[in-house]
């Protein structure tokens, strides 16, 4: 089974380490200093689950021309997603499954537009906190490292199921979901509020929920995304907002979003693909979302340095 992993950050590096150590034929695509480091030093993940050091990996700087792969795992940031999707379509031949581990719903909807073949319409969700540290190692925070994949139109896919089973055998917790849309939207409901409010207020999740007005603003942002999900015929077994409120009570007080970390480092943000996509879709479906408009306006006013 040939696998192409595009982006070797926290998610791509974590998944790729397990796949390589498990004997899969994996090619990584990375850029600039990250590529140079991986080419010379290999890939290392540091985790409470286990430490994996792979001295040599097959890493290249561009998606290869006229090659075929069984599975393509795309983990790039949303602002790079369109260009990468276009390159995949131009360069990779044959049939393949494309697993997009991006935040939000933009990636899956874009794939629907870009690829006619329904077997490629898969969705993916990562439940993990992982990043590349100053030593260029993948640092996994905590013990949660669960990944969900499934066919986006809810049909069966035995090939994908088999891949999940193989991953479980090598210790990678990749699970097949029959309702991947629910998983994607459930995460998006939390993440859109979490990324937006932490960056807007420049506070941790604990500080936000200690402040009643900020707590209500956070919940309002989640409710707006939940209301939008109804327009996509997403059905939840339990109220996702109430479920997230309970989960947040158990989160570390100092926890904050990667978007806020990027904001502090003056890196490009995924704002336009998170709260930005919510406001656009809410306008189209005539759903009120004043909190997400406030998030966009407030954060963008700070970006004028």
C-alpha atoms as a PDB file:
ATOM      1  CA  UNK A   1       0.000   0.000   0.000  1.00  0.00           C
ATOM      2  CA  UNK A   2       1.581   3.264  -1.173  1.00  0.00           C
ATOM      3  CA  UNK A   3       0.800   6.351   0.896  1.00  0.00           C
ATOM      4  CA  UNK A   4       1.571  10.003   0.224  1.00  0.00           C
ATOM      5  CA  UNK A   5       1.544  12.380   3.214  1.00  0.00           C
ATOM      6  CA  UNK A   6       1.500  16.077   2.351  1.00  0.00           C
ATOM      7  CA  UNK A   7       2.613  18.240   5.267  1.00  0.00           C
ATOM      8  CA  UNK A   8       4.849  16.861   8.041  1.00  0.00           C
ATOM      9  CA  UNK A   9       3.704  18.952  10.996  1.00  0.00           C
ATOM     10  CA  UNK A  10       1.994  17.653  14.108  1.00  0.00           C
ATOM     11  CA  UNK A  11      -0.678  15.522  12.448  1.00  0.00           C
ATOM     12  CA  UNK A  12       1.224  14.441   9.335  1.00  0.00           C
ATOM     13  CA  UNK A  13       4.342  13.680  11.343  1.00  0.00           C
ATOM     14  CA  UNK A  14       2.463  11.686  13.997  1.00  0.00           C
ATOM     15  CA  UNK A  15       0.474   9.574  11.524  1.00  0.00           C
ATOM     16  CA  UNK A  16       3.454   9.141   9.220  1.00  0.00           C
ATOM     17  CA  UNK A  17       5.771   7.932  12.004  1.00  0.00           C
ATOM     18  CA  UNK A  18       3.412   5.118  12.915  1.00  0.00           C
ATOM     19  CA  UNK A  19       2.855   4.160   9.268  1.00  0.00           C
ATOM     20  CA  UNK A  20       6.585   4.021   8.482  1.00  0.00           C
ATOM     21  CA  UNK A  21       7.378   2.042  11.637  1.00  0.00           C
ATOM     22  CA  UNK A  22       4.499  -0.281  10.717  1.00  0.00           C
ATOM     23  CA  UNK A  23       6.029  -1.137   7.369  1.00  0.00           C
ATOM     24  CA  UNK A  24       3.934   0.992   5.025  1.00  0.00           C
ATOM     25  CA  UNK A  25       5.469   2.506   1.877  1.00  0.00           C
ATOM     26  CA  UNK A  26       5.241   6.211   2.786  1.00  0.00           C
ATOM     27  CA  UNK A  27       6.376   9.285   0.854  1.00  0.00           C
ATOM     28  CA  UNK A  28       6.359  12.632   2.651  1.00  0.00           C
ATOM     29  CA  UNK A  29       6.058  16.070   1.037  1.00  0.00           C
ATOM     30  CA  UNK A  30       7.550  18.961   2.980  1.00  0.00           C
ATOM     31  CA  UNK A  31       9.096  22.358   2.232  1.00  0.00           C
ATOM     32  CA  UNK A  32      12.009  24.648   3.000  1.00  0.00           C
ATOM     33  CA  UNK A  33      13.772  24.202   6.357  1.00  0.00           C
ATOM     34  CA  UNK A  34      11.398  21.435   7.458  1.00  0.00           C
ATOM     35  CA  UNK A  35      12.309  19.444   4.325  1.00  0.00           C
ATOM     36  CA  UNK A  36      16.046  20.007   4.882  1.00  0.00           C
ATOM     37  CA  UNK A  37      15.848  18.862   8.488  1.00  0.00           C
ATOM     38  CA  UNK A  38      13.824  15.731   7.701  1.00  0.00           C
ATOM     39  CA  UNK A  39      16.121  14.828   4.799  1.00  0.00           C
ATOM     40  CA  UNK A  40      19.185  14.983   7.045  1.00  0.00           C
ATOM     41  CA  UNK A  41      17.821  13.829  10.398  1.00  0.00           C
ATOM     42  CA  UNK A  42      14.717  11.745   9.807  1.00  0.00           C
ATOM     43  CA  UNK A  43      11.452  12.004  11.746  1.00  0.00           C
ATOM     44  CA  UNK A  44      11.025  11.934  15.522  1.00  0.00           C
ATOM     45  CA  UNK A  45       7.841  11.997  17.586  1.00  0.00           C
ATOM     46  CA  UNK A  46       7.832  12.421  21.340  1.00  0.00           C
ATOM     47  CA  UNK A  47       4.679  11.140  22.989  1.00  0.00           C
ATOM     48  CA  UNK A  48       3.479   9.658  26.251  1.00  0.00           C
ATOM     49  CA  UNK A  49       2.198   6.789  24.115  1.00  0.00           C
ATOM     50  CA  UNK A  50       5.637   6.022  22.679  1.00  0.00           C
ATOM     51  CA  UNK A  51       8.680   7.695  21.153  1.00  0.00           C
ATOM     52  CA  UNK A  52       9.400   6.878  17.529  1.00  0.00           C
ATOM     53  CA  UNK A  53      12.656   7.831  15.837  1.00  0.00           C
ATOM     54  CA  UNK A  54      12.916   7.074  12.115  1.00  0.00           C
ATOM     55  CA  UNK A  55      16.445   7.790  10.937  1.00  0.00           C
ATOM     56  CA  UNK A  56      15.627   7.903   7.238  1.00  0.00           C
ATOM     57  CA  UNK A  57      12.358   8.726   5.518  1.00  0.00           C
ATOM     58  CA  UNK A  58      11.429   9.235   1.891  1.00  0.00           C
ATOM     59  CA  UNK A  59      10.798  12.995   1.842  1.00  0.00           C
ATOM     60  CA  UNK A  60      10.481  15.227  -1.230  1.00  0.00           C
ATOM     61  CA  UNK A  61       9.720  18.914  -1.790  1.00  0.00           C
ATOM     62  CA  UNK A  62       6.940  18.618  -4.369  1.00  0.00           C
ATOM     63  CA  UNK A  63       4.074  16.277  -5.151  1.00  0.00           C
ATOM     64  CA  UNK A  64       5.600  13.841  -7.664  1.00  0.00           C
ATOM     65  CA  UNK A  65       4.550  13.885 -11.305  1.00  0.00           C
ATOM     66  CA  UNK A  66       2.795  10.926 -12.897  1.00  0.00           C
ATOM     67  CA  UNK A  67       3.005   8.604  -9.913  1.00  0.00           C
ATOM     68  CA  UNK A  68       0.191   6.638  -8.316  1.00  0.00           C
ATOM     69  CA  UNK A  69      -0.691   6.198  -4.655  1.00  0.00           C
ATOM     70  CA  UNK A  70      -3.343   4.207  -2.851  1.00  0.00           C
ATOM     71  CA  UNK A  71      -3.976   6.817  -0.147  1.00  0.00           C
ATOM     72  CA  UNK A  72      -3.107  10.520   0.028  1.00  0.00           C
ATOM     73  CA  UNK A  73      -3.180  12.147   3.467  1.00  0.00           C
ATOM     74  CA  UNK A  74      -3.337  15.939   3.237  1.00  0.00           C
ATOM     75  CA  UNK A  75      -2.479  17.815   6.440  1.00  0.00           C
ATOM     76  CA  UNK A  76      -1.506  21.284   5.150  1.00  0.00           C
ATOM     77  CA  UNK A  77      -3.017  24.473   6.576  1.00  0.00           C
ATOM     78  CA  UNK A  78      -6.260  25.663   5.026  1.00  0.00           C
ATOM     79  CA  UNK A  79      -4.625  28.647   3.331  1.00  0.00           C
ATOM     80  CA  UNK A  80      -2.506  26.165   1.305  1.00  0.00           C
ATOM     81  CA  UNK A  81      -5.300  23.700   0.663  1.00  0.00           C
ATOM     82  CA  UNK A  82      -6.564  24.929  -2.721  1.00  0.00           C
ATOM     83  CA  UNK A  83      -3.101  24.955  -4.296  1.00  0.00           C
ATOM     84  CA  UNK A  84      -2.273  21.499  -2.949  1.00  0.00           C
ATOM     85  CA  UNK A  85      -5.597  20.073  -4.145  1.00  0.00           C
ATOM     86  CA  UNK A  86      -4.938  21.488  -7.615  1.00  0.00           C
ATOM     87  CA  UNK A  87      -1.455  19.944  -7.655  1.00  0.00           C
ATOM     88  CA  UNK A  88      -2.813  16.544  -6.612  1.00  0.00           C
ATOM     89  CA  UNK A  89      -5.321  16.650  -9.441  1.00  0.00           C
ATOM     90  CA  UNK A  90      -2.645  17.614 -11.997  1.00  0.00           C
ATOM     91  CA  UNK A  91       0.177  15.340 -10.901  1.00  0.00           C
ATOM     92  CA  UNK A  92      -1.141  12.125  -9.332  1.00  0.00           C
ATOM     93  CA  UNK A  93      -2.523   9.457 -11.633  1.00  0.00           C
ATOM     94  CA  UNK A  94      -4.826   6.511 -11.011  1.00  0.00           C
ATOM     95  CA  UNK A  95      -7.392   5.919  -8.307  1.00  0.00           C
ATOM     96  CA  UNK A  96      -6.652   6.966  -4.756  1.00  0.00           C
ATOM     97  CA  UNK A  97      -8.386   7.835  -1.509  1.00  0.00           C
ATOM     98  CA  UNK A  98      -7.836  11.408  -0.354  1.00  0.00           C
ATOM     99  CA  UNK A  99      -8.017  12.009   3.397  1.00  0.00           C
ATOM    100  CA  UNK A 100      -8.126  15.726   4.309  1.00  0.00           C
ATOM    101  CA  UNK A 101      -7.171  16.381   7.952  1.00  0.00           C
ATOM    102  CA  UNK A 102      -7.971  20.104   7.899  1.00  0.00           C
ATOM    103  CA  UNK A 103     -10.042  22.055  10.393  1.00  0.00           C
ATOM    104  CA  UNK A 104     -13.627  22.961   9.562  1.00  0.00           C
ATOM    105  CA  UNK A 105     -15.715  21.820   6.609  1.00  0.00           C
ATOM    106  CA  UNK A 106     -13.978  23.667   3.778  1.00  0.00           C
ATOM    107  CA  UNK A 107     -11.676  20.813   2.723  1.00  0.00           C
ATOM    108  CA  UNK A 108     -14.365  18.165   2.232  1.00  0.00           C
ATOM    109  CA  UNK A 109     -16.631  20.557   0.318  1.00  0.00           C
ATOM    110  CA  UNK A 110     -13.712  21.597  -1.907  1.00  0.00           C
ATOM    111  CA  UNK A 111     -12.909  17.981  -2.712  1.00  0.00           C
ATOM    112  CA  UNK A 112     -16.529  17.476  -3.764  1.00  0.00           C
ATOM    113  CA  UNK A 113     -16.077  20.294  -6.279  1.00  0.00           C
ATOM    114  CA  UNK A 114     -12.655  19.177  -7.500  1.00  0.00           C
ATOM    115  CA  UNK A 115     -13.091  15.437  -7.955  1.00  0.00           C
ATOM    116  CA  UNK A 116     -15.993  13.835  -9.781  1.00  0.00           C
ATOM    117  CA  UNK A 117     -15.156  10.311  -8.612  1.00  0.00           C
ATOM    118  CA  UNK A 118     -17.410   9.657  -5.614  1.00  0.00           C
ATOM    119  CA  UNK A 119     -15.029   7.072  -4.116  1.00  0.00           C
ATOM    120  CA  UNK A 120     -12.639   9.912  -3.314  1.00  0.00           C
ATOM    121  CA  UNK A 121     -15.182  11.870  -1.273  1.00  0.00           C
ATOM    122  CA  UNK A 122     -13.816  11.006   2.148  1.00  0.00           C
ATOM    123  CA  UNK A 123     -13.762  13.037   5.327  1.00  0.00           C
ATOM    124  CA  UNK A 124     -11.252  13.000   8.173  1.00  0.00           C
ATOM    125  CA  UNK A 125     -11.058  14.324  11.727  1.00  0.00           C
ATOM    126  CA  UNK A 126      -8.012  14.451  14.005  1.00  0.00           C
ATOM    127  CA  UNK A 127      -8.430  14.486  17.769  1.00  0.00           C
ATOM    128  CA  UNK A 128      -4.903  15.238  18.901  1.00  0.00           C
ATOM    129  CA  UNK A 129      -2.760  18.077  20.209  1.00  0.00           C
ATOM    130  CA  UNK A 130       0.588  17.886  18.421  1.00  0.00           C
ATOM    131  CA  UNK A 131       3.062  20.380  17.047  1.00  0.00           C
ATOM    132  CA  UNK A 132       6.629  20.686  15.757  1.00  0.00           C
ATOM    133  CA  UNK A 133       8.888  21.999  18.531  1.00  0.00           C
ATOM    134  CA  UNK A 134      12.071  24.081  18.273  1.00  0.00           C
ATOM    135  CA  UNK A 135      14.109  20.891  17.789  1.00  0.00           C
ATOM    136  CA  UNK A 136      11.969  19.975  14.757  1.00  0.00           C
ATOM    137  CA  UNK A 137      10.518  17.020  16.668  1.00  0.00           C
ATOM    138  CA  UNK A 138       6.790  16.246  16.645  1.00  0.00           C
ATOM    139  CA  UNK A 139       5.600  16.869  20.197  1.00  0.00           C
ATOM    140  CA  UNK A 140       2.388  15.107  21.215  1.00  0.00           C
ATOM    141  CA  UNK A 141       0.617  16.736  24.188  1.00  0.00           C
ATOM    142  CA  UNK A 142      -1.410  14.415  26.408  1.00  0.00           C
ATOM    143  CA  UNK A 143      -2.556  10.924  25.489  1.00  0.00           C
ATOM    144  CA  UNK A 144      -5.458  11.616  23.146  1.00  0.00           C
ATOM    145  CA  UNK A 145      -4.541  10.635  19.588  1.00  0.00           C
ATOM    146  CA  UNK A 146      -7.629   9.408  17.771  1.00  0.00           C
ATOM    147  CA  UNK A 147      -8.354   9.866  14.073  1.00  0.00           C
ATOM    148  CA  UNK A 148     -11.683   9.327  12.329  1.00  0.00           C
ATOM    149  CA  UNK A 149     -12.199   8.755   8.606  1.00  0.00           C
ATOM    150  CA  UNK A 150     -15.242   7.858   6.551  1.00  0.00           C
ATOM    151  CA  UNK A 151     -16.953   8.186   3.230  1.00  0.00           C
ATOM    152  CA  UNK A 152     -18.393  11.686   2.928  1.00  0.00           C
ATOM    153  CA  UNK A 153     -21.672  10.590   1.367  1.00  0.00           C
ATOM    154  CA  UNK A 154     -22.152   8.006   4.147  1.00  0.00           C
ATOM    155  CA  UNK A 155     -21.767   4.982   1.822  1.00  0.00           C
ATOM    156  CA  UNK A 156     -19.616   1.974   2.653  1.00  0.00           C
ATOM    157  CA  UNK A 157     -15.955   1.788   1.714  1.00  0.00           C
ATOM    158  CA  UNK A 158     -14.295  -1.546   2.408  1.00  0.00           C
ATOM    159  CA  UNK A 159     -10.863  -0.370   1.268  1.00  0.00           C
ATOM    160  CA  UNK A 160     -10.907   2.450   3.810  1.00  0.00           C
ATOM    161  CA  UNK A 161     -12.196   0.089   6.499  1.00  0.00           C
ATOM    162  CA  UNK A 162      -9.331  -2.291   5.771  1.00  0.00           C
ATOM    163  CA  UNK A 163      -6.811   0.542   6.029  1.00  0.00           C
ATOM    164  CA  UNK A 164      -8.235   1.480   9.446  1.00  0.00           C
ATOM    165  CA  UNK A 165      -7.931  -2.130  10.620  1.00  0.00           C
ATOM    166  CA  UNK A 166      -4.301  -2.279   9.498  1.00  0.00           C
ATOM    167  CA  UNK A 167      -3.563   0.973  11.327  1.00  0.00           C
ATOM    168  CA  UNK A 168      -5.103  -0.358  14.540  1.00  0.00           C
ATOM    169  CA  UNK A 169      -2.754  -3.358  14.368  1.00  0.00           C
ATOM    170  CA  UNK A 170       0.333  -1.100  14.344  1.00  0.00           C
ATOM    171  CA  UNK A 171      -0.910   1.069  17.223  1.00  0.00           C
ATOM    172  CA  UNK A 172      -2.300   3.990  15.204  1.00  0.00           C
ATOM    173  CA  UNK A 173      -5.836   4.732  16.417  1.00  0.00           C
ATOM    174  CA  UNK A 174      -7.478   5.390  13.050  1.00  0.00           C
ATOM    175  CA  UNK A 175     -11.199   4.599  13.168  1.00  0.00           C
ATOM    176  CA  UNK A 176     -13.762   4.188  10.429  1.00  0.00           C
ATOM    177  CA  UNK A 177     -16.875   6.303  11.009  1.00  0.00           C
ATOM    178  CA  UNK A 178     -20.190   5.685   9.284  1.00  0.00           C
ATOM    179  CA  UNK A 179     -21.204   9.279   9.997  1.00  0.00           C
ATOM    180  CA  UNK A 180     -18.078  11.309   9.359  1.00  0.00           C
ATOM    181  CA  UNK A 181     -20.108  14.470   8.708  1.00  0.00           C
ATOM    182  CA  UNK A 182     -21.270  14.439  12.324  1.00  0.00           C
ATOM    183  CA  UNK A 183     -17.670  14.040  13.526  1.00  0.00           C
ATOM    184  CA  UNK A 184     -16.473  16.905  11.305  1.00  0.00           C
ATOM    185  CA  UNK A 185     -19.237  19.282  12.382  1.00  0.00           C
ATOM    186  CA  UNK A 186     -18.946  18.317  16.043  1.00  0.00           C
ATOM    187  CA  UNK A 187     -15.283  19.349  16.039  1.00  0.00           C
ATOM    188  CA  UNK A 188     -16.044  22.464  13.955  1.00  0.00           C
ATOM    189  CA  UNK A 189     -18.677  23.644  16.432  1.00  0.00           C
ATOM    190  CA  UNK A 190     -16.043  23.731  19.171  1.00  0.00           C
ATOM    191  CA  UNK A 191     -13.016  24.710  17.089  1.00  0.00           C
ATOM    192  CA  UNK A 192     -14.615  27.706  15.383  1.00  0.00           C
ATOM    193  CA  UNK A 193     -15.435  29.175  18.800  1.00  0.00           C
ATOM    194  CA  UNK A 194     -12.204  28.045  20.441  1.00  0.00           C
ATOM    195  CA  UNK A 195      -9.876  29.430  17.748  1.00  0.00           C
ATOM    196  CA  UNK A 196     -11.863  32.629  17.372  1.00  0.00           C
ATOM    197  CA  UNK A 197     -12.499  33.561  21.008  1.00  0.00           C
ATOM    198  CA  UNK A 198      -9.035  32.646  22.321  1.00  0.00           C
ATOM    199  CA  UNK A 199      -7.419  34.752  19.588  1.00  0.00           C
ATOM    200  CA  UNK A 200      -9.897  37.612  19.911  1.00  0.00           C
ATOM    201  CA  UNK A 201      -9.502  37.875  23.691  1.00  0.00           C
ATOM    202  CA  UNK A 202      -5.897  36.638  23.881  1.00  0.00           C
ATOM    203  CA  UNK A 203      -6.920  34.401  26.762  1.00  0.00           C
ATOM    204  CA  UNK A 204      -6.796  30.696  27.602  1.00  0.00           C
ATOM    205  CA  UNK A 205      -9.858  28.461  27.680  1.00  0.00           C
ATOM    206  CA  UNK A 206      -9.827  28.608  31.500  1.00  0.00           C
ATOM    207  CA  UNK A 207      -9.674  32.387  31.611  1.00  0.00           C
ATOM    208  CA  UNK A 208     -12.530  32.644  29.121  1.00  0.00           C
ATOM    209  CA  UNK A 209     -14.827  30.355  31.107  1.00  0.00           C
ATOM    210  CA  UNK A 210     -13.963  32.165  34.339  1.00  0.00           C
ATOM    211  CA  UNK A 211     -15.426  35.337  32.821  1.00  0.00           C
ATOM    212  CA  UNK A 212     -19.222  35.073  32.511  1.00  0.00           C
ATOM    213  CA  UNK A 213     -19.531  37.455  29.559  1.00  0.00           C
ATOM    214  CA  UNK A 214     -16.748  35.677  27.634  1.00  0.00           C
ATOM    215  CA  UNK A 215     -18.182  32.274  28.520  1.00  0.00           C
ATOM    216  CA  UNK A 216     -21.538  33.297  27.044  1.00  0.00           C
ATOM    217  CA  UNK A 217     -19.817  34.687  23.934  1.00  0.00           C
ATOM    218  CA  UNK A 218     -17.984  31.380  23.454  1.00  0.00           C
ATOM    219  CA  UNK A 219     -21.229  29.416  23.811  1.00  0.00           C
ATOM    220  CA  UNK A 220     -22.973  31.804  21.419  1.00  0.00           C
ATOM    221  CA  UNK A 221     -20.289  31.147  18.795  1.00  0.00           C
ATOM    222  CA  UNK A 222     -20.771  27.394  19.179  1.00  0.00           C
ATOM    223  CA  UNK A 223     -24.546  27.730  18.890  1.00  0.00           C
ATOM    224  CA  UNK A 224     -24.212  29.725  15.655  1.00  0.00           C
ATOM    225  CA  UNK A 225     -22.117  26.971  14.061  1.00  0.00           C
ATOM    226  CA  UNK A 226     -24.515  24.331  15.402  1.00  0.00           C
ATOM    227  CA  UNK A 227     -27.432  26.156  13.786  1.00  0.00           C
ATOM    228  CA  UNK A 228     -25.541  26.246  10.485  1.00  0.00           C
ATOM    229  CA  UNK A 229     -24.940  22.477  10.648  1.00  0.00           C
ATOM    230  CA  UNK A 230     -28.690  21.915  10.447  1.00  0.00           C
ATOM    231  CA  UNK A 231     -28.632  23.363   6.925  1.00  0.00           C
ATOM    232  CA  UNK A 232     -26.334  20.477   5.961  1.00  0.00           C
ATOM    233  CA  UNK A 233     -28.794  17.906   7.371  1.00  0.00           C
ATOM    234  CA  UNK A 234     -26.343  16.888  10.082  1.00  0.00           C
ATOM    235  CA  UNK A 235     -28.078  14.990  12.879  1.00  0.00           C
ATOM    236  CA  UNK A 236     -26.512  14.690  16.323  1.00  0.00           C
ATOM    237  CA  UNK A 237     -27.515  12.045  18.843  1.00  0.00           C
ATOM    238  CA  UNK A 238     -26.996  14.545  21.675  1.00  0.00           C
ATOM    239  CA  UNK A 239     -26.761  18.343  21.796  1.00  0.00           C
ATOM    240  CA  UNK A 240     -23.135  19.027  20.732  1.00  0.00           C
ATOM    241  CA  UNK A 241     -22.954  22.409  22.467  1.00  0.00           C
ATOM    242  CA  UNK A 242     -24.020  20.984  25.836  1.00  0.00           C
ATOM    243  CA  UNK A 243     -21.567  18.128  25.314  1.00  0.00           C
ATOM    244  CA  UNK A 244     -18.692  20.545  24.628  1.00  0.00           C
ATOM    245  CA  UNK A 245     -19.531  22.657  27.680  1.00  0.00           C
ATOM    246  CA  UNK A 246     -19.034  19.554  29.828  1.00  0.00           C
ATOM    247  CA  UNK A 247     -15.801  18.631  28.033  1.00  0.00           C
ATOM    248  CA  UNK A 248     -14.408  22.147  28.464  1.00  0.00           C
ATOM    249  CA  UNK A 249     -14.785  21.832  32.252  1.00  0.00           C
ATOM    250  CA  UNK A 250     -12.170  19.054  32.114  1.00  0.00           C
ATOM    251  CA  UNK A 251      -9.724  20.857  29.829  1.00  0.00           C
ATOM    252  CA  UNK A 252      -6.441  22.291  31.166  1.00  0.00           C
ATOM    253  CA  UNK A 253      -6.905  25.887  32.364  1.00  0.00           C
ATOM    254  CA  UNK A 254      -3.944  27.138  30.293  1.00  0.00           C
ATOM    255  CA  UNK A 255      -5.034  25.437  27.060  1.00  0.00           C
ATOM    256  CA  UNK A 256      -5.235  27.722  24.043  1.00  0.00           C
ATOM    257  CA  UNK A 257      -5.691  27.387  20.303  1.00  0.00           C
ATOM    258  CA  UNK A 258      -3.042  26.937  17.625  1.00  0.00           C
ATOM    259  CA  UNK A 259      -4.523  29.957  15.846  1.00  0.00           C
ATOM    260  CA  UNK A 260      -3.786  32.123  18.874  1.00  0.00           C
ATOM    261  CA  UNK A 261      -0.236  30.732  18.951  1.00  0.00           C
ATOM    262  CA  UNK A 262       0.120  31.597  15.238  1.00  0.00           C
ATOM    263  CA  UNK A 263      -1.317  35.050  15.960  1.00  0.00           C
ATOM    264  CA  UNK A 264       1.316  35.705  18.626  1.00  0.00           C
ATOM    265  CA  UNK A 265       4.036  34.577  16.206  1.00  0.00           C
ATOM    266  CA  UNK A 266       2.525  36.800  13.479  1.00  0.00           C
ATOM    267  CA  UNK A 267       2.008  33.836  11.192  1.00  0.00           C
ATOM    268  CA  UNK A 268      -0.759  33.501   8.628  1.00  0.00           C
ATOM    269  CA  UNK A 269      -4.103  32.585  10.230  1.00  0.00           C
ATOM    270  CA  UNK A 270      -6.894  30.210   9.239  1.00  0.00           C
ATOM    271  CA  UNK A 271      -9.482  32.808  10.284  1.00  0.00           C
ATOM    272  CA  UNK A 272     -11.027  33.171   6.808  1.00  0.00           C
ATOM    273  CA  UNK A 273     -11.602  29.406   6.644  1.00  0.00           C
ATOM    274  CA  UNK A 274     -13.038  29.130  10.177  1.00  0.00           C
ATOM    275  CA  UNK A 275     -15.216  32.048  11.314  1.00  0.00           C
ATOM    276  CA  UNK A 276     -14.908  33.444   7.776  1.00  0.00           C
ATOM    277  CA  UNK A 277     -16.489  30.390   6.182  1.00  0.00           C
ATOM    278  CA  UNK A 278     -19.221  30.397   8.827  1.00  0.00           C
ATOM    279  CA  UNK A 279     -20.234  33.995   8.051  1.00  0.00           C
ATOM    280  CA  UNK A 280     -20.293  33.319   4.300  1.00  0.00           C
ATOM    281  CA  UNK A 281     -22.381  30.179   4.658  1.00  0.00           C
ATOM    282  CA  UNK A 282     -24.693  31.766   7.212  1.00  0.00           C
ATOM    283  CA  UNK A 283     -25.325  34.631   4.813  1.00  0.00           C
ATOM    284  CA  UNK A 284     -26.155  32.137   2.051  1.00  0.00           C
ATOM    285  CA  UNK A 285     -28.492  30.090   4.274  1.00  0.00           C
ATOM    286  CA  UNK A 286     -29.892  33.155   6.089  1.00  0.00           C
ATOM    287  CA  UNK A 287     -28.641  32.148   9.527  1.00  0.00           C
ATOM    288  CA  UNK A 288     -27.718  34.833  12.080  1.00  0.00           C
ATOM    289  CA  UNK A 289     -24.105  34.691  13.302  1.00  0.00           C
ATOM    290  CA  UNK A 290     -23.231  38.014  14.986  1.00  0.00           C
ATOM    291  CA  UNK A 291     -20.569  36.459  17.239  1.00  0.00           C
ATOM    292  CA  UNK A 292     -18.520  35.148  14.332  1.00  0.00           C
ATOM    293  CA  UNK A 293     -18.754  38.548  12.616  1.00  0.00           C
ATOM    294  CA  UNK A 294     -17.454  40.078  15.848  1.00  0.00           C
ATOM    295  CA  UNK A 295     -14.591  37.554  15.942  1.00  0.00           C
ATOM    296  CA  UNK A 296     -13.514  38.397  12.387  1.00  0.00           C
ATOM    297  CA  UNK A 297     -13.739  42.148  12.857  1.00  0.00           C
ATOM    298  CA  UNK A 298     -11.917  42.082  16.185  1.00  0.00           C
ATOM    299  CA  UNK A 299      -9.044  39.841  15.082  1.00  0.00           C
ATOM    300  CA  UNK A 300      -8.524  41.584  11.752  1.00  0.00           C
ATOM    301  CA  UNK A 301      -8.343  44.959  13.499  1.00  0.00           C
ATOM    302  CA  UNK A 302      -5.329  43.589  15.428  1.00  0.00           C
ATOM    303  CA  UNK A 303      -3.567  42.381  12.289  1.00  0.00           C
ATOM    304  CA  UNK A 304      -2.670  45.932  11.274  1.00  0.00           C
ATOM    305  CA  UNK A 305       0.758  46.000  12.914  1.00  0.00           C
END
